[in-house]
């Protein structure tokens, strides 16, 4: 009878209870406060066409169950939506929605994503699934589909949150994908069987994705992308909000970069996501470049090596000053470096070998 996200209707349910609200709408009882006469007339007309028993029978035949607030399977974090929380969720699939939602992350983004966006979404979702996290998305083309496939491909768990009836998944091109998700994960939605999606329902649906999960990652999004509404809902709800950067020349990354300049956290992989949404101690490894031979030298030897000029020779006194050590120590280190092939002696001076010049100087020239 009520559209998803209707906060006025949610307030009626909280104040009057579902039975009384349904009775007034079905029987044309006294008008409830907060709506115009025209809106009330529209709700009465909609209530006349509603068929709760018919919907439940249709759902049962399709292997779909209805979960409402107060049920054992109800994810309590959805209550954070206040009067805008779902009246209930239609669930297709065997696992417990409440248990899965406790350890879940949303991965969302552009429908018309680039190859980069699809690859990042699939890799990110696969990494999350391998770490035991449930990947939640909206089932759309582009980033959503790539995220679902990444989780499924890793043998992991994924949940598709739809803006239509779960018995008629949209888009039609993802029919086989939704069937796989229902077998290996969950397909859920607020709307009863047979309901079709609309532009407004997609936007309202996004609040469920944000509230259900521990955090939301946006992979690719233009300035007007619908996935940004999921990120904004996550921010309002106090959930972790993350973004994967893309090329600054790509309009499909402009919305993500705007998020990152505001309140979102930059992430580049599953480990960094888990570091934010996981338990204390789930730290991502520190990024490091390749280990070079000179990195294995003692600190004092590295100082002496760094004090040698890039070309030509230098005397011991000059090298000692550059390394901030004594001449005796500098000589000892120079002979050590010579045995390792880093330096060679020319009369009273010392110089880098050709291989040492490449090893020591080349990385600096690339900065």
Protein backbone atom coordinates (compact mmCIF):
# COMPACT_ATOMS: atom_id res chain seq x y z
CA UNK A 1 0.00 0.00 0.00
CA UNK A 2 2.85 2.36 0.86
CA UNK A 3 5.84 3.12 -1.37
CA UNK A 4 9.31 2.21 -0.05
CA UNK A 5 10.90 4.97 2.01
CA UNK A 6 7.59 6.73 2.77
CA UNK A 7 8.50 8.37 6.09
CA UNK A 8 4.95 9.67 6.67
CA UNK A 9 3.63 6.14 6.32
CA UNK A 10 6.42 4.90 8.56
CA UNK A 11 5.35 7.36 11.24
CA UNK A 12 1.76 6.12 10.96
CA UNK A 13 2.93 2.56 11.51
CA UNK A 14 4.97 3.60 14.54
CA UNK A 15 2.12 5.60 16.10
CA UNK A 16 -0.94 3.56 15.10
CA UNK A 17 0.35 0.09 14.27
CA UNK A 18 0.14 -1.86 11.02
CA UNK A 19 -3.34 -3.28 11.65
CA UNK A 20 -4.97 0.12 12.23
CA UNK A 21 -3.20 1.78 9.29
CA UNK A 22 -4.19 -1.08 6.99
CA UNK A 23 -7.80 -0.92 8.22
CA UNK A 24 -8.10 2.81 7.55
CA UNK A 25 -6.58 2.51 4.09
CA UNK A 26 -8.60 -0.55 3.13
CA UNK A 27 -11.94 0.59 4.61
CA UNK A 28 -11.58 4.30 3.92
CA UNK A 29 -11.47 5.19 7.61
CA UNK A 30 -10.64 8.60 9.09
CA UNK A 31 -7.83 10.29 7.18
CA UNK A 32 -4.44 10.10 8.85
CA UNK A 33 -2.44 13.30 9.36
CA UNK A 34 0.49 14.40 7.22
CA UNK A 35 -0.95 14.03 3.71
CA UNK A 36 -3.17 16.10 1.43
CA UNK A 37 -6.68 15.00 0.46
CA UNK A 38 -5.41 14.11 -3.01
CA UNK A 39 -2.60 11.98 -1.60
CA UNK A 40 -5.00 10.24 0.76
CA UNK A 41 -7.36 9.46 -2.12
CA UNK A 42 -4.43 7.98 -4.06
CA UNK A 43 -3.45 5.79 -1.11
CA UNK A 44 -7.04 4.54 -0.76
CA UNK A 45 -7.13 3.63 -4.46
CA UNK A 46 -3.84 1.80 -4.14
CA UNK A 47 -5.07 -0.06 -1.04
CA UNK A 48 -8.11 -1.33 -2.96
CA UNK A 49 -5.82 -2.97 -5.52
CA UNK A 50 -3.45 -4.44 -2.91
CA UNK A 51 -3.58 -8.15 -2.25
CA UNK A 52 -1.36 -9.24 0.63
CA UNK A 53 -2.53 -12.86 0.56
CA UNK A 54 -2.10 -12.98 -3.22
CA UNK A 55 1.44 -11.58 -2.90
CA UNK A 56 2.36 -14.12 -0.23
CA UNK A 57 1.00 -17.00 -2.32
CA UNK A 58 2.92 -15.80 -5.38
CA UNK A 59 6.09 -15.42 -3.32
CA UNK A 60 5.74 -18.87 -1.81
CA UNK A 61 5.44 -20.47 -5.24
CA UNK A 62 8.59 -18.62 -6.33
CA UNK A 63 10.55 -19.71 -3.27
CA UNK A 64 10.47 -16.20 -1.77
CA UNK A 65 9.85 -15.38 1.89
CA UNK A 66 8.80 -12.12 3.56
CA UNK A 67 10.91 -10.81 6.47
CA UNK A 68 9.62 -7.91 8.57
CA UNK A 69 10.87 -5.95 11.61
CA UNK A 70 10.77 -8.13 14.70
CA UNK A 71 11.47 -11.37 12.84
CA UNK A 72 14.55 -13.38 13.80
CA UNK A 73 16.00 -12.83 10.32
CA UNK A 74 15.44 -9.06 10.31
CA UNK A 75 18.74 -7.07 10.08
CA UNK A 76 18.43 -4.61 12.95
CA UNK A 77 20.81 -2.10 11.37
CA UNK A 78 17.97 -1.22 8.96
CA UNK A 79 16.20 0.32 11.96
CA UNK A 80 18.76 3.14 11.70
CA UNK A 81 16.60 4.44 8.83
CA UNK A 82 13.96 5.48 11.36
CA UNK A 83 10.50 6.02 9.88
CA UNK A 84 12.02 5.45 6.45
CA UNK A 85 13.02 1.85 7.15
CA UNK A 86 11.51 -0.87 4.95
CA UNK A 87 8.14 -2.21 6.01
CA UNK A 88 9.64 -5.60 5.23
CA UNK A 89 11.87 -7.35 2.70
CA UNK A 90 11.09 -10.07 0.19
CA UNK A 91 13.98 -12.53 0.29
CA UNK A 92 14.96 -15.12 -2.32
CA UNK A 93 17.70 -17.53 -1.29
CA UNK A 94 18.51 -19.84 1.62
CA UNK A 95 21.02 -18.01 3.88
CA UNK A 96 19.99 -15.86 6.84
CA UNK A 97 19.84 -12.21 5.80
CA UNK A 98 20.49 -11.00 9.34
CA UNK A 99 23.65 -13.09 9.75
CA UNK A 100 25.02 -12.19 6.34
CA UNK A 101 24.39 -8.48 6.81
CA UNK A 102 26.52 -8.43 9.96
CA UNK A 103 29.66 -8.86 7.85
CA UNK A 104 28.85 -7.14 4.59
CA UNK A 105 30.24 -4.38 2.36
CA UNK A 106 28.48 -2.56 -0.48
CA UNK A 107 30.33 -2.21 -3.79
CA UNK A 108 28.50 0.15 -6.16
CA UNK A 109 29.24 2.33 -9.16
CA UNK A 110 28.41 3.37 -12.68
CA UNK A 111 26.19 1.30 -14.97
CA UNK A 112 28.12 2.39 -18.08
CA UNK A 113 31.45 1.71 -16.43
CA UNK A 114 34.80 1.46 -18.16
CA UNK A 115 36.86 -1.71 -18.46
CA UNK A 116 38.96 -0.33 -15.59
CA UNK A 117 35.87 0.05 -13.39
CA UNK A 118 34.61 -3.46 -14.12
CA UNK A 119 38.02 -4.98 -13.42
CA UNK A 120 38.46 -3.06 -10.16
CA UNK A 121 34.95 -3.95 -8.96
CA UNK A 122 35.40 -7.66 -9.73
CA UNK A 123 38.85 -7.80 -8.13
CA UNK A 124 37.68 -5.89 -5.06
CA UNK A 125 34.61 -8.10 -4.60
CA UNK A 126 36.67 -11.25 -5.10
CA UNK A 127 39.16 -10.12 -2.47
CA UNK A 128 36.39 -9.30 0.00
CA UNK A 129 34.71 -12.66 -0.58
CA UNK A 130 37.99 -14.50 -0.04
CA UNK A 131 38.30 -12.72 3.31
CA UNK A 132 34.84 -13.90 4.37
CA UNK A 133 32.89 -10.71 3.64
CA UNK A 134 29.49 -10.58 1.93
CA UNK A 135 29.40 -8.29 -1.12
CA UNK A 136 26.17 -6.28 -1.48
CA UNK A 137 25.21 -4.40 -4.64
CA UNK A 138 22.21 -3.39 -6.73
CA UNK A 139 22.30 -5.96 -9.51
CA UNK A 140 22.59 -3.36 -12.29
CA UNK A 141 24.79 -3.50 -15.36
CA UNK A 142 28.35 -2.22 -15.01
CA UNK A 143 30.03 -2.06 -11.62
CA UNK A 144 27.18 -3.79 -9.75
CA UNK A 145 27.22 -6.83 -12.03
CA UNK A 146 31.01 -7.01 -11.97
CA UNK A 147 30.98 -6.95 -8.15
CA UNK A 148 28.42 -9.76 -7.94
CA UNK A 149 30.37 -11.87 -10.46
CA UNK A 150 33.64 -11.24 -8.64
CA UNK A 151 32.20 -12.54 -5.38
CA UNK A 152 30.54 -15.53 -7.04
CA UNK A 153 33.72 -16.37 -8.96
CA UNK A 154 35.65 -16.52 -5.68
CA UNK A 155 33.06 -18.93 -4.28
CA UNK A 156 31.90 -16.22 -1.90
CA UNK A 157 28.67 -14.64 -0.76
CA UNK A 158 26.78 -11.81 -2.44
CA UNK A 159 23.43 -10.05 -2.04
CA UNK A 160 21.53 -8.21 -4.78
CA UNK A 161 19.15 -5.49 -3.54
CA UNK A 162 16.53 -4.82 -6.22
CA UNK A 163 14.17 -1.91 -6.92
CA UNK A 164 11.43 -4.27 -8.14
CA UNK A 165 9.80 -7.56 -7.25
CA UNK A 166 12.39 -10.28 -6.66
CA UNK A 167 10.38 -12.65 -8.87
CA UNK A 168 10.88 -10.34 -11.88
CA UNK A 169 14.49 -9.20 -11.61
CA UNK A 170 15.62 -6.14 -13.51
CA UNK A 171 17.57 -5.72 -15.75
CA UNK A 172 16.37 -8.70 -17.80
CA UNK A 173 19.88 -9.16 -19.16
CA UNK A 174 20.96 -10.25 -15.67
CA UNK A 175 18.34 -13.00 -15.33
CA UNK A 176 20.97 -15.75 -15.27
CA UNK A 177 23.14 -13.74 -12.87
CA UNK A 178 20.22 -13.31 -10.45
CA UNK A 179 19.54 -17.03 -10.64
CA UNK A 180 23.17 -17.72 -9.67
CA UNK A 181 22.97 -15.20 -6.84
CA UNK A 182 19.77 -16.81 -5.52
CA UNK A 183 21.50 -20.21 -5.51
CA UNK A 184 24.72 -19.03 -3.88
CA UNK A 185 23.52 -15.91 -2.06
CA UNK A 186 20.43 -13.73 -1.66
CA UNK A 187 18.20 -11.55 -3.85
CA UNK A 188 16.13 -9.10 -1.81
CA UNK A 189 13.80 -6.16 -2.32
CA UNK A 190 11.09 -4.08 -0.66
CA UNK A 191 8.49 -4.38 -3.39
CA UNK A 192 6.05 -7.29 -3.60
CA UNK A 193 6.11 -9.85 -6.42
CA UNK A 194 5.34 -8.50 -9.87
CA UNK A 195 6.24 -4.87 -9.11
CA UNK A 196 8.31 -3.05 -11.73
CA UNK A 197 11.18 -0.60 -11.14
CA UNK A 198 10.99 3.17 -11.60
CA UNK A 199 13.64 5.88 -11.46
CA UNK A 200 12.52 6.98 -7.99
CA UNK A 201 12.49 3.41 -6.69
CA UNK A 202 16.14 2.95 -7.69
CA UNK A 203 17.14 6.00 -5.66
CA UNK A 204 15.07 4.96 -2.63
CA UNK A 205 16.46 1.42 -2.87
CA UNK A 206 19.98 2.74 -2.36
CA UNK A 207 19.29 3.66 1.27
CA UNK A 208 18.75 -0.05 2.00
CA UNK A 209 22.14 -0.95 0.49
CA UNK A 210 23.80 1.72 2.64
CA UNK A 211 22.01 0.80 5.88
CA UNK A 212 22.39 -2.95 5.47
CA UNK A 213 26.19 -2.92 5.22
CA UNK A 214 29.19 -1.92 7.34
CA UNK A 215 30.45 0.39 4.60
CA UNK A 216 30.00 1.44 0.97
CA UNK A 217 32.72 1.49 -1.72
CA UNK A 218 32.10 3.53 -4.87
CA UNK A 219 34.25 2.31 -7.77
CA UNK A 220 33.24 4.61 -10.65
CA UNK A 221 30.64 7.38 -10.61
CA UNK A 222 30.02 10.51 -12.65
CA UNK A 223 28.85 13.70 -10.95
CA UNK A 224 25.16 12.70 -11.33
CA UNK A 225 25.56 8.97 -10.74
CA UNK A 226 22.86 7.25 -8.70
CA UNK A 227 25.53 5.34 -6.80
CA UNK A 228 26.52 8.61 -5.12
CA UNK A 229 23.14 8.59 -3.36
CA UNK A 230 24.19 5.29 -1.75
CA UNK A 231 27.41 6.92 -0.56
CA UNK A 232 25.55 9.95 0.80
CA UNK A 233 23.09 7.68 2.63
CA UNK A 234 26.03 5.78 4.13
CA UNK A 235 27.53 9.06 5.35
CA UNK A 236 24.24 10.12 6.95
CA UNK A 237 23.97 6.77 8.70
CA UNK A 238 27.53 6.93 10.03
CA UNK A 239 28.73 4.02 7.90
CA UNK A 240 32.20 3.87 6.38
CA UNK A 241 32.22 5.53 2.96
CA UNK A 242 35.04 4.74 0.55
CA UNK A 243 36.03 5.50 -3.02
CA UNK A 244 38.41 3.97 -5.55
CA UNK A 245 40.24 6.70 -7.51
CA UNK A 246 40.37 6.64 -11.30
CA UNK A 247 41.99 8.67 -14.08
CA UNK A 248 41.53 12.42 -13.58
CA UNK A 249 40.66 12.63 -17.27
CA UNK A 250 37.67 10.27 -16.87
CA UNK A 251 34.23 11.78 -16.27
CA UNK A 252 33.19 8.45 -14.76
CA UNK A 253 35.62 9.03 -11.90
CA UNK A 254 34.67 12.67 -11.27
CA UNK A 255 31.94 11.79 -8.75
CA UNK A 256 34.25 9.47 -6.83
CA UNK A 257 36.97 12.12 -6.68
CA UNK A 258 34.43 14.61 -5.35
CA UNK A 259 33.56 12.13 -2.59
CA UNK A 260 37.23 11.66 -1.77
CA UNK A 261 37.74 15.41 -1.46
CA UNK A 262 34.91 15.50 1.08
CA UNK A 263 34.34 12.72 3.62
CA UNK A 264 35.14 9.44 1.85
CA UNK A 265 38.29 7.40 2.40
CA UNK A 266 40.50 6.39 -0.52
CA UNK A 267 40.89 2.62 -0.95
CA UNK A 268 42.65 0.62 -3.65
CA UNK A 269 41.98 -2.97 -2.62
CA UNK A 270 40.06 -5.38 -0.41
CA UNK A 271 42.66 -5.30 2.38
CA UNK A 272 42.23 -1.54 2.79
CA UNK A 273 38.43 -1.90 2.86
CA UNK A 274 38.62 -4.59 5.54
CA UNK A 275 41.01 -2.41 7.56
CA UNK A 276 38.20 0.17 7.81
CA UNK A 277 35.13 -2.01 8.27
CA UNK A 278 36.68 -5.01 10.04
CA UNK A 279 37.70 -5.71 13.58
CA UNK A 280 40.59 -4.05 15.37
CA UNK A 281 43.84 -5.45 14.06
CA UNK A 282 42.61 -6.16 10.51
CA UNK A 283 45.35 -3.98 9.09
CA UNK A 284 46.24 -3.73 5.42
CA UNK A 285 49.88 -4.46 4.59
CA UNK A 286 52.08 -1.40 4.23
CA UNK A 287 52.78 -0.69 0.56
CA UNK A 288 56.42 -1.07 -0.40
CA UNK A 289 58.44 -0.83 -3.57
CA UNK A 290 60.75 -3.60 -4.75
CA UNK A 291 63.63 -4.54 -2.45
CA UNK A 292 66.90 -3.43 -4.05
CA UNK A 293 70.35 -4.89 -3.21
CA UNK A 294 71.44 -1.68 -1.47
CA UNK A 295 68.43 -1.96 0.89
CA UNK A 296 70.17 -4.98 2.44
CA UNK A 297 73.26 -2.99 3.40
CA UNK A 298 73.94 -1.87 6.96
CA UNK A 299 72.73 1.71 7.56
CA UNK A 300 76.32 2.97 8.01
CA UNK A 301 77.39 1.40 4.71
CA UNK A 302 74.37 2.94 2.92
CA UNK A 303 75.39 6.36 4.24
CA UNK A 304 78.91 6.00 2.86
CA UNK A 305 77.56 4.72 -0.47
CA UNK A 306 75.20 7.69 -0.72
CA UNK A 307 78.09 10.10 -0.06
CA UNK A 308 79.95 9.11 -3.22
CA UNK A 309 79.43 11.39 -6.24
CA UNK A 310 77.47 10.13 -9.24
CA UNK A 311 80.48 10.57 -11.49
CA UNK A 312 84.19 10.93 -10.92
CA UNK A 313 86.18 10.10 -7.81
CA UNK A 314 86.20 11.48 -4.27
CA UNK A 315 88.75 11.35 -1.49
CA UNK A 316 88.15 9.67 1.86
CA UNK A 317 87.91 12.99 3.74
CA UNK A 318 85.12 14.26 1.45
CA UNK A 319 83.25 10.96 1.65
CA UNK A 320 83.53 10.88 5.45
CA UNK A 321 82.08 14.39 5.72
CA UNK A 322 79.19 13.48 3.43
CA UNK A 323 78.46 10.33 5.44
CA UNK A 324 78.85 12.19 8.76
CA UNK A 325 81.39 9.69 10.06
CA UNK A 326 85.14 9.42 10.72
CA UNK A 327 87.71 8.80 7.98
CA UNK A 328 88.71 5.47 9.54
CA UNK A 329 85.09 4.30 9.53
CA UNK A 330 84.61 5.56 5.97
CA UNK A 331 87.65 3.57 4.78
CA UNK A 332 86.34 0.42 6.48
CA UNK A 333 82.95 0.84 4.84
CA UNK A 334 84.48 1.58 1.43
CA UNK A 335 86.46 -1.69 1.46
CA UNK A 336 83.25 -3.50 2.49
CA UNK A 337 81.40 -1.89 -0.43
CA UNK A 338 84.24 -2.78 -2.82
CA UNK A 339 83.94 -6.45 -1.87
CA UNK A 340 80.23 -6.26 -2.75
CA UNK A 341 80.90 -4.64 -6.12
CA UNK A 342 79.52 -1.18 -5.34
CA UNK A 343 82.77 0.90 -5.44
CA UNK A 344 86.28 0.77 -6.81
CA UNK A 345 89.49 2.51 -5.83
CA UNK A 346 91.39 4.78 -8.20
CA UNK A 347 94.66 5.95 -6.58
CA UNK A 348 93.72 7.98 -3.51
CA UNK A 349 90.11 8.33 -4.63
CA UNK A 350 87.00 6.17 -4.72
CA UNK A 351 84.19 6.00 -7.29
CA UNK A 352 80.99 4.09 -7.90
CA UNK A 353 81.08 1.09 -10.22
CA UNK A 354 78.85 1.23 -13.30
CA UNK A 355 76.39 -1.22 -11.75
CA UNK A 356 76.25 0.84 -8.55
CA UNK A 357 75.47 4.00 -10.52
CA UNK A 358 72.45 2.26 -12.08
CA UNK A 359 71.34 0.83 -8.72
CA UNK A 360 71.80 3.98 -6.68
CA UNK A 361 70.89 6.76 -9.09
CA UNK A 362 68.26 5.35 -11.45
CA UNK A 363 65.37 5.17 -8.94
CA UNK A 364 65.90 8.79 -7.99
CA UNK A 365 65.70 9.93 -11.63
CA UNK A 366 62.21 8.37 -11.95
CA UNK A 367 60.69 10.46 -9.15
